[in-house]
Amino acid sequence: MKKPTSIAHGTLDSHFPKAKVEETEAILNAKTEKGKGEHEVVWYEGARHGFAVRRSQTDLVENERGMAAEAQAIAWFTKCFAAAK
C-alpha cells in the first residue's frame, strides 16, 4: 500500500482474524518506517466485525467503540488531507 491507511480493528472480528491483522500491521509498520506511506492500526478490545459502521443501540460499550472509531477516522482524514487545503 502506498496511500495512507488507517484500520480500526475489533479484537473479536470473525472476518479478519487477529493473527491476520497482526501480520498486516507488521507489513504496514515496515512500510511506514521505510517512508513508504503512513499507516496505523488501532485495536478496539472486544469489538466485533462491523462495529464502526453498524453501531448497536442496545450495547452501549460497542456504541462507544464505534464512536471512538469515528473520531479516529476524522482525525486521520484531517491529518492526511490538511495539505490539500
PDB file of N, CA and C in Angstrom:
ATOM      1  N   MET A   1       0.837  -1.181   0.000  1.00  0.00           N
ATOM      2  CA  MET A   1       0.000   0.000   0.000  1.00  0.00           C
ATOM      3  C   MET A   1       0.877   1.237   0.000  1.00  0.00           C
ATOM      4  N   LYS A   2       0.543   2.161  -0.851  1.00  0.00           N
ATOM      5  CA  LYS A   2       1.309   3.398  -0.931  1.00  0.00           C
ATOM      6  C   LYS A   2       0.520   4.571  -0.372  1.00  0.00           C
ATOM      7  N   LYS A   3      -0.763   4.436  -0.294  1.00  0.00           N
ATOM      8  CA  LYS A   3      -1.625   5.516   0.207  1.00  0.00           C
ATOM      9  C   LYS A   3      -1.735   5.415   1.726  1.00  0.00           C
ATOM     10  N   PRO A   4      -1.948   6.542   2.401  1.00  0.00           N
ATOM     11  CA  PRO A   4      -2.147   6.494   3.859  1.00  0.00           C
ATOM     12  C   PRO A   4      -3.308   5.553   4.197  1.00  0.00           C
ATOM     13  N   THR A   5      -3.087   4.722   5.201  1.00  0.00           N
ATOM     14  CA  THR A   5      -4.076   3.707   5.559  1.00  0.00           C
ATOM     15  C   THR A   5      -4.284   3.699   7.063  1.00  0.00           C
ATOM     16  N   SER A   6      -5.542   3.739   7.465  1.00  0.00           N
ATOM     17  CA  SER A   6      -5.898   3.650   8.876  1.00  0.00           C
ATOM     18  C   SER A   6      -6.911   2.522   9.031  1.00  0.00           C
ATOM     19  N   ILE A   7      -6.633   1.614   9.958  1.00  0.00           N
ATOM     20  CA  ILE A   7      -7.515   0.477  10.193  1.00  0.00           C
ATOM     21  C   ILE A   7      -8.020   0.527  11.629  1.00  0.00           C
ATOM     22  N   ALA A   8      -9.339   0.477  11.779  1.00  0.00           N
ATOM     23  CA  ALA A   8      -9.974   0.346  13.097  1.00  0.00           C
ATOM     24  C   ALA A   8     -10.387  -1.112  13.210  1.00  0.00           C
ATOM     25  N   HIS A   9      -9.758  -1.849  14.099  1.00  0.00           N
ATOM     26  CA  HIS A   9      -9.996  -3.296  14.149  1.00  0.00           C
ATOM     27  C   HIS A   9     -10.507  -3.739  15.509  1.00  0.00           C
ATOM     28  N   GLY A  10     -11.579  -4.502  15.479  1.00  0.00           N
ATOM     29  CA  GLY A  10     -12.114  -5.106  16.699  1.00  0.00           C
ATOM     30  C   GLY A  10     -11.416  -6.424  16.978  1.00  0.00           C
ATOM     31  N   THR A  11     -11.050  -6.646  18.215  1.00  0.00           N
ATOM     32  CA  THR A  11     -10.320  -7.864  18.564  1.00  0.00           C
ATOM     33  C   THR A  11     -11.179  -9.120  18.436  1.00  0.00           C
ATOM     34  N   LEU A  12     -12.503  -8.972  18.349  1.00  0.00           N
ATOM     35  CA  LEU A  12     -13.397 -10.123  18.184  1.00  0.00           C
ATOM     36  C   LEU A  12     -13.921 -10.238  16.749  1.00  0.00           C
ATOM     37  N   ASP A  13     -13.262  -9.604  15.807  1.00  0.00           N
ATOM     38  CA  ASP A  13     -13.692  -9.638  14.409  1.00  0.00           C
ATOM     39  C   ASP A  13     -13.534 -11.062  13.864  1.00  0.00           C
ATOM     40  N   SER A  14     -14.643 -11.664  13.453  1.00  0.00           N
ATOM     41  CA  SER A  14     -14.607 -13.034  12.939  1.00  0.00           C
ATOM     42  C   SER A  14     -14.241 -13.095  11.451  1.00  0.00           C
ATOM     43  N   HIS A  15     -14.286 -11.961  10.761  1.00  0.00           N
ATOM     44  CA  HIS A  15     -13.988 -11.933   9.327  1.00  0.00           C
ATOM     45  C   HIS A  15     -12.518 -11.634   9.029  1.00  0.00           C
ATOM     46  N   PHE A  16     -11.857 -10.945   9.938  1.00  0.00           N
ATOM     47  CA  PHE A  16     -10.455 -10.552   9.767  1.00  0.00           C
ATOM     48  C   PHE A  16      -9.744 -10.907  11.072  1.00  0.00           C
ATOM     49  N   PRO A  17      -9.322 -12.176  11.222  1.00  0.00           N
ATOM     50  CA  PRO A  17      -8.780 -12.663  12.488  1.00  0.00           C
ATOM     51  C   PRO A  17      -7.572 -11.861  12.990  1.00  0.00           C
ATOM     52  N   LYS A  18      -7.421 -11.865  14.293  1.00  0.00           N
ATOM     53  CA  LYS A  18      -6.359 -11.095  14.948  1.00  0.00           C
ATOM     54  C   LYS A  18      -4.981 -11.406  14.353  1.00  0.00           C
ATOM     55  N   ALA A  19      -4.684 -12.668  14.084  1.00  0.00           N
ATOM     56  CA  ALA A  19      -3.372 -13.037  13.541  1.00  0.00           C
ATOM     57  C   ALA A  19      -3.126 -12.371  12.186  1.00  0.00           C
ATOM     58  N   LYS A  20      -4.157 -12.308  11.347  1.00  0.00           N
ATOM     59  CA  LYS A  20      -4.005 -11.663  10.034  1.00  0.00           C
ATOM     60  C   LYS A  20      -3.813 -10.157  10.187  1.00  0.00           C
ATOM     61  N   VAL A  21      -4.507  -9.563  11.141  1.00  0.00           N
ATOM     62  CA  VAL A  21      -4.346  -8.122  11.367  1.00  0.00           C
ATOM     63  C   VAL A  21      -2.948  -7.833  11.890  1.00  0.00           C
ATOM     64  N   GLU A  22      -2.450  -8.683  12.778  1.00  0.00           N
ATOM     65  CA  GLU A  22      -1.085  -8.501  13.286  1.00  0.00           C
ATOM     66  C   GLU A  22      -0.073  -8.590  12.147  1.00  0.00           C
ATOM     67  N   GLU A  23      -0.292  -9.524  11.231  1.00  0.00           N
ATOM     68  CA  GLU A  23       0.584  -9.658  10.063  1.00  0.00           C
ATOM     69  C   GLU A  23       0.497  -8.407   9.181  1.00  0.00           C
ATOM     70  N   THR A  24      -0.712  -7.940   8.945  1.00  0.00           N
ATOM     71  CA  THR A  24      -0.935  -6.727   8.148  1.00  0.00           C
ATOM     72  C   THR A  24      -0.285  -5.526   8.827  1.00  0.00           C
ATOM     73  N   GLU A  25      -0.461  -5.423  10.136  1.00  0.00           N
ATOM     74  CA  GLU A  25       0.114  -4.312  10.886  1.00  0.00           C
ATOM     75  C   GLU A  25       1.636  -4.303  10.773  1.00  0.00           C
ATOM     76  N   ALA A  26       2.261  -5.462  10.867  1.00  0.00           N
ATOM     77  CA  ALA A  26       3.721  -5.545  10.749  1.00  0.00           C
ATOM     78  C   ALA A  26       4.185  -5.077   9.369  1.00  0.00           C
ATOM     79  N   ILE A  27       3.467  -5.479   8.333  1.00  0.00           N
ATOM     80  CA  ILE A  27       3.810  -5.053   6.965  1.00  0.00           C
ATOM     81  C   ILE A  27       3.658  -3.539   6.831  1.00  0.00           C
ATOM     82  N   LEU A  28       2.540  -3.009   7.326  1.00  0.00           N
ATOM     83  CA  LEU A  28       2.309  -1.560   7.229  1.00  0.00           C
ATOM     84  C   LEU A  28       3.329  -0.770   8.042  1.00  0.00           C
ATOM     85  N   ASN A  29       3.667  -1.268   9.236  1.00  0.00           N
ATOM     86  CA  ASN A  29       4.675  -0.576  10.052  1.00  0.00           C
ATOM     87  C   ASN A  29       6.025  -0.546   9.351  1.00  0.00           C
ATOM     88  N   ALA A  30       6.386  -1.643   8.703  1.00  0.00           N
ATOM     89  CA  ALA A  30       7.664  -1.683   7.965  1.00  0.00           C
ATOM     90  C   ALA A  30       7.644  -0.671   6.822  1.00  0.00           C
ATOM     91  N   LYS A  31       6.523  -0.563   6.128  1.00  0.00           N
ATOM     92  CA  LYS A  31       6.412   0.420   5.045  1.00  0.00           C
ATOM     93  C   LYS A  31       6.521   1.843   5.589  1.00  0.00           C
ATOM     94  N   THR A  32       5.867   2.106   6.719  1.00  0.00           N
ATOM     95  CA  THR A  32       5.932   3.438   7.324  1.00  0.00           C
ATOM     96  C   THR A  32       7.371   3.776   7.694  1.00  0.00           C
ATOM     97  N   GLU A  33       8.070   2.812   8.314  1.00  0.00           N
ATOM     98  CA  GLU A  33       9.458   3.034   8.718  1.00  0.00           C
ATOM     99  C   GLU A  33      10.371   3.300   7.521  1.00  0.00           C
ATOM    100  N   LYS A  34      10.039   2.726   6.375  1.00  0.00           N
ATOM    101  CA  LYS A  34      10.848   2.931   5.160  1.00  0.00           C
ATOM    102  C   LYS A  34      10.416   4.174   4.391  1.00  0.00           C
ATOM    103  N   GLY A  35       9.466   4.915   4.946  1.00  0.00           N
ATOM    104  CA  GLY A  35       8.999   6.123   4.282  1.00  0.00           C
ATOM    105  C   GLY A  35       8.059   5.860   3.117  1.00  0.00           C
ATOM    106  N   LYS A  36       7.460   4.692   3.094  1.00  0.00           N
ATOM    107  CA  LYS A  36       6.553   4.324   2.001  1.00  0.00           C
ATOM    108  C   LYS A  36       5.102   4.447   2.449  1.00  0.00           C
ATOM    109  N   GLY A  37       4.731   5.651   2.785  1.00  0.00           N
ATOM    110  CA  GLY A  37       3.358   5.897   3.221  1.00  0.00           C
ATOM    111  C   GLY A  37       3.233   5.897   4.725  1.00  0.00           C
ATOM    112  N   GLU A  38       2.103   6.391   5.161  1.00  0.00           N
ATOM    113  CA  GLU A  38       1.830   6.447   6.592  1.00  0.00           C
ATOM    114  C   GLU A  38       0.642   5.543   6.871  1.00  0.00           C
ATOM    115  N   HIS A  39       0.777   4.730   7.914  1.00  0.00           N
ATOM    116  CA  HIS A  39      -0.245   3.735   8.210  1.00  0.00           C
ATOM    117  C   HIS A  39      -0.444   3.630   9.717  1.00  0.00           C
ATOM    118  N   GLU A  40      -1.658   3.226  10.108  1.00  0.00           N
ATOM    119  CA  GLU A  40      -1.919   2.959  11.519  1.00  0.00           C
ATOM    120  C   GLU A  40      -2.966   1.857  11.637  1.00  0.00           C
ATOM    121  N   VAL A  41      -2.841   1.083  12.697  1.00  0.00           N
ATOM    122  CA  VAL A  41      -3.845   0.097  13.066  1.00  0.00           C
ATOM    123  C   VAL A  41      -4.206   0.390  14.513  1.00  0.00           C
ATOM    124  N   VAL A  42      -5.476   0.643  14.754  1.00  0.00           N
ATOM    125  CA  VAL A  42      -5.963   0.911  16.107  1.00  0.00           C
ATOM    126  C   VAL A  42      -6.859  -0.253  16.504  1.00  0.00           C
ATOM    127  N   TRP A  43      -6.533  -0.868  17.628  1.00  0.00           N
ATOM    128  CA  TRP A  43      -7.267  -2.029  18.121  1.00  0.00           C
ATOM    129  C   TRP A  43      -8.363  -1.590  19.083  1.00  0.00           C
ATOM    130  N   TYR A  44      -9.534  -2.194  18.929  1.00  0.00           N
ATOM    131  CA  TYR A  44     -10.670  -1.928  19.815  1.00  0.00           C
ATOM    132  C   TYR A  44     -11.036  -3.238  20.512  1.00  0.00           C
ATOM    133  N   GLU A  45     -10.647  -3.325  21.769  1.00  0.00           N
ATOM    134  CA  GLU A  45     -10.833  -4.533  22.560  1.00  0.00           C
ATOM    135  C   GLU A  45     -12.308  -4.908  22.655  1.00  0.00           C
ATOM    136  N   GLY A  46     -12.602  -6.162  22.325  1.00  0.00           N
ATOM    137  CA  GLY A  46     -13.950  -6.684  22.453  1.00  0.00           C
ATOM    138  C   GLY A  46     -14.914  -6.296  21.345  1.00  0.00           C
ATOM    139  N   ALA A  47     -14.459  -5.561  20.354  1.00  0.00           N
ATOM    140  CA  ALA A  47     -15.351  -5.129  19.270  1.00  0.00           C
ATOM    141  C   ALA A  47     -15.440  -6.222  18.203  1.00  0.00           C
ATOM    142  N   ARG A  48     -16.640  -6.370  17.643  1.00  0.00           N
ATOM    143  CA  ARG A  48     -16.896  -7.368  16.606  1.00  0.00           C
ATOM    144  C   ARG A  48     -16.818  -6.731  15.217  1.00  0.00           C
ATOM    145  N   HIS A  49     -16.853  -7.589  14.199  1.00  0.00           N
ATOM    146  CA  HIS A  49     -16.820  -7.128  12.817  1.00  0.00           C
ATOM    147  C   HIS A  49     -17.980  -6.158  12.566  1.00  0.00           C
ATOM    148  N   GLY A  50     -17.678  -5.032  11.957  1.00  0.00           N
ATOM    149  CA  GLY A  50     -18.703  -4.054  11.616  1.00  0.00           C
ATOM    150  C   GLY A  50     -19.027  -3.057  12.713  1.00  0.00           C
ATOM    151  N   PHE A  51     -18.324  -3.128  13.845  1.00  0.00           N
ATOM    152  CA  PHE A  51     -18.650  -2.263  14.978  1.00  0.00           C
ATOM    153  C   PHE A  51     -18.588  -0.781  14.629  1.00  0.00           C
ATOM    154  N   ALA A  52     -17.731  -0.419  13.689  1.00  0.00           N
ATOM    155  CA  ALA A  52     -17.545   1.002  13.374  1.00  0.00           C
ATOM    156  C   ALA A  52     -18.622   1.552  12.449  1.00  0.00           C
ATOM    157  N   VAL A  53     -19.349   0.675  11.771  1.00  0.00           N
ATOM    158  CA  VAL A  53     -20.373   1.150  10.839  1.00  0.00           C
ATOM    159  C   VAL A  53     -21.782   0.694  11.211  1.00  0.00           C
ATOM    160  N   ARG A  54     -21.878  -0.306  12.050  1.00  0.00           N
ATOM    161  CA  ARG A  54     -23.194  -0.798  12.475  1.00  0.00           C
ATOM    162  C   ARG A  54     -23.288  -0.712  13.994  1.00  0.00           C
ATOM    163  N   ARG A  55     -23.341   0.475  14.483  1.00  0.00           N
ATOM    164  CA  ARG A  55     -23.385   0.661  15.935  1.00  0.00           C
ATOM    165  C   ARG A  55     -24.650   0.067  16.534  1.00  0.00           C
ATOM    166  N   SER A  56     -24.482  -0.489  17.698  1.00  0.00           N
ATOM    167  CA  SER A  56     -25.612  -1.065  18.418  1.00  0.00           C
ATOM    168  C   SER A  56     -26.278   0.012  19.262  1.00  0.00           C
ATOM    169  N   GLN A  57     -27.583   0.055  19.198  1.00  0.00           N
ATOM    170  CA  GLN A  57     -28.328   0.997  20.039  1.00  0.00           C
ATOM    171  C   GLN A  57     -28.553   0.426  21.430  1.00  0.00           C
ATOM    172  N   THR A  58     -28.356  -0.882  21.593  1.00  0.00           N
ATOM    173  CA  THR A  58     -28.582  -1.508  22.891  1.00  0.00           C
ATOM    174  C   THR A  58     -27.290  -1.847  23.629  1.00  0.00           C
ATOM    175  N   ASP A  59     -26.198  -2.015  22.907  1.00  0.00           N
ATOM    176  CA  ASP A  59     -24.906  -2.330  23.526  1.00  0.00           C
ATOM    177  C   ASP A  59     -24.108  -1.031  23.630  1.00  0.00           C
ATOM    178  N   LEU A  60     -24.156  -0.420  24.798  1.00  0.00           N
ATOM    179  CA  LEU A  60     -23.527   0.889  24.978  1.00  0.00           C
ATOM    180  C   LEU A  60     -22.010   0.841  24.832  1.00  0.00           C
ATOM    181  N   VAL A  61     -21.391  -0.257  25.247  1.00  0.00           N
ATOM    182  CA  VAL A  61     -19.932  -0.377  25.116  1.00  0.00           C
ATOM    183  C   VAL A  61     -19.549  -0.437  23.639  1.00  0.00           C
ATOM    184  N   GLU A  62     -20.277  -1.244  22.865  1.00  0.00           N
ATOM    185  CA  GLU A  62     -19.979  -1.314  21.431  1.00  0.00           C
ATOM    186  C   GLU A  62     -20.243   0.036  20.754  1.00  0.00           C
ATOM    187  N   ASN A  63     -21.272   0.709  21.185  1.00  0.00           N
ATOM    188  CA  ASN A  63     -21.576   2.029  20.644  1.00  0.00           C
ATOM    189  C   ASN A  63     -20.426   3.001  20.922  1.00  0.00           C
ATOM    190  N   GLU A  64     -19.863   2.945  22.113  1.00  0.00           N
ATOM    191  CA  GLU A  64     -18.710   3.800  22.453  1.00  0.00           C
ATOM    192  C   GLU A  64     -17.527   3.487  21.553  1.00  0.00           C
ATOM    193  N   ARG A  65     -17.299   2.204  21.295  1.00  0.00           N
ATOM    194  CA  ARG A  65     -16.187   1.816  20.415  1.00  0.00           C
ATOM    195  C   ARG A  65     -16.415   2.352  19.001  1.00  0.00           C
ATOM    196  N   GLY A  66     -17.651   2.292  18.536  1.00  0.00           N
ATOM    197  CA  GLY A  66     -17.976   2.825  17.215  1.00  0.00           C
ATOM    198  C   GLY A  66     -17.747   4.325  17.144  1.00  0.00           C
ATOM    199  N   MET A  67     -18.118   5.028  18.206  1.00  0.00           N
ATOM    200  CA  MET A  67     -17.900   6.479  18.245  1.00  0.00           C
ATOM    201  C   MET A  67     -16.408   6.791  18.276  1.00  0.00           C
ATOM    202  N   ALA A  68     -15.635   5.967  18.989  1.00  0.00           N
ATOM    203  CA  ALA A  68     -14.184   6.167  19.035  1.00  0.00           C
ATOM    204  C   ALA A  68     -13.571   5.929  17.652  1.00  0.00           C
ATOM    205  N   ALA A  69     -14.059   4.919  16.936  1.00  0.00           N
ATOM    206  CA  ALA A  69     -13.557   4.656  15.580  1.00  0.00           C
ATOM    207  C   ALA A  69     -13.909   5.803  14.641  1.00  0.00           C
ATOM    208  N   GLU A  70     -15.078   6.396  14.832  1.00  0.00           N
ATOM    209  CA  GLU A  70     -15.455   7.563  14.024  1.00  0.00           C
ATOM    210  C   GLU A  70     -14.497   8.721  14.287  1.00  0.00           C
ATOM    211  N   ALA A  71     -14.190   8.957  15.549  1.00  0.00           N
ATOM    212  CA  ALA A  71     -13.242  10.020  15.904  1.00  0.00           C
ATOM    213  C   ALA A  71     -11.864   9.718  15.316  1.00  0.00           C
ATOM    214  N   GLN A  72     -11.470   8.448  15.333  1.00  0.00           N
ATOM    215  CA  GLN A  72     -10.197   8.036  14.739  1.00  0.00           C
ATOM    216  C   GLN A  72     -10.177   8.380  13.252  1.00  0.00           C
ATOM    217  N   ALA A  73     -11.254   8.054  12.546  1.00  0.00           N
ATOM    218  CA  ALA A  73     -11.329   8.314  11.104  1.00  0.00           C
ATOM    219  C   ALA A  73     -11.273   9.813  10.812  1.00  0.00           C
ATOM    220  N   ILE A  74     -11.997  10.599  11.577  1.00  0.00           N
ATOM    221  CA  ILE A  74     -11.994  12.053  11.371  1.00  0.00           C
ATOM    222  C   ILE A  74     -10.594  12.618  11.603  1.00  0.00           C
ATOM    223  N   ALA A  75      -9.944  12.170  12.675  1.00  0.00           N
ATOM    224  CA  ALA A  75      -8.584  12.641  12.959  1.00  0.00           C
ATOM    225  C   ALA A  75      -7.622  12.241  11.843  1.00  0.00           C
ATOM    226  N   TRP A  76      -7.773  11.010  11.348  1.00  0.00           N
ATOM    227  CA  TRP A  76      -6.901  10.524  10.275  1.00  0.00           C
ATOM    228  C   TRP A  76      -7.066  11.348   9.007  1.00  0.00           C
ATOM    229  N   PHE A  77      -8.326  11.557   8.591  1.00  0.00           N
ATOM    230  CA  PHE A  77      -8.573  12.333   7.375  1.00  0.00           C
ATOM    231  C   PHE A  77      -8.132  13.782   7.544  1.00  0.00           C
ATOM    232  N   THR A  78      -8.357  14.342   8.706  1.00  0.00           N
ATOM    233  CA  THR A  78      -7.922  15.720   8.967  1.00  0.00           C
ATOM    234  C   THR A  78      -6.404  15.830   8.826  1.00  0.00           C
ATOM    235  N   LYS A  79      -5.702  14.865   9.396  1.00  0.00           N
ATOM    236  CA  LYS A  79      -4.241  14.848   9.336  1.00  0.00           C
ATOM    237  C   LYS A  79      -3.742  14.640   7.900  1.00  0.00           C
ATOM    238  N   CYS A  80      -4.312  13.666   7.212  1.00  0.00           N
ATOM    239  CA  CYS A  80      -3.810  13.311   5.879  1.00  0.00           C
ATOM    240  C   CYS A  80      -4.181  14.315   4.795  1.00  0.00           C
ATOM    241  N   PHE A  81      -5.305  14.997   4.971  1.00  0.00           N
ATOM    242  CA  PHE A  81      -5.746  15.925   3.935  1.00  0.00           C
ATOM    243  C   PHE A  81      -5.519  17.383   4.300  1.00  0.00           C
ATOM    244  N   ALA A  82      -4.809  17.627   5.377  1.00  0.00           N
ATOM    245  CA  ALA A  82      -4.541  19.002   5.795  1.00  0.00           C
ATOM    246  C   ALA A  82      -3.773  19.765   4.716  1.00  0.00           C
ATOM    247  N   ALA A  83      -2.894  19.092   4.024  1.00  0.00           N
ATOM    248  CA  ALA A  83      -2.083  19.743   2.986  1.00  0.00           C
ATOM    249  C   ALA A  83      -2.920  20.116   1.762  1.00  0.00           C
ATOM    250  N   ALA A  84      -4.088  19.515   1.614  1.00  0.00           N
ATOM    251  CA  ALA A  84      -4.916  19.777   0.434  1.00  0.00           C
ATOM    252  C   ALA A  84      -5.730  21.061   0.562  1.00  0.00           C
ATOM    253  N   LYS A  85      -5.709  21.679   1.719  1.00  0.00           N
ATOM    254  CA  LYS A  85      -6.498  22.906   1.925  1.00  0.00           C
ATOM    255  C   LYS A  85      -5.992  24.046   1.086  1.00  0.00           C
TER     256      LYS A  85
END
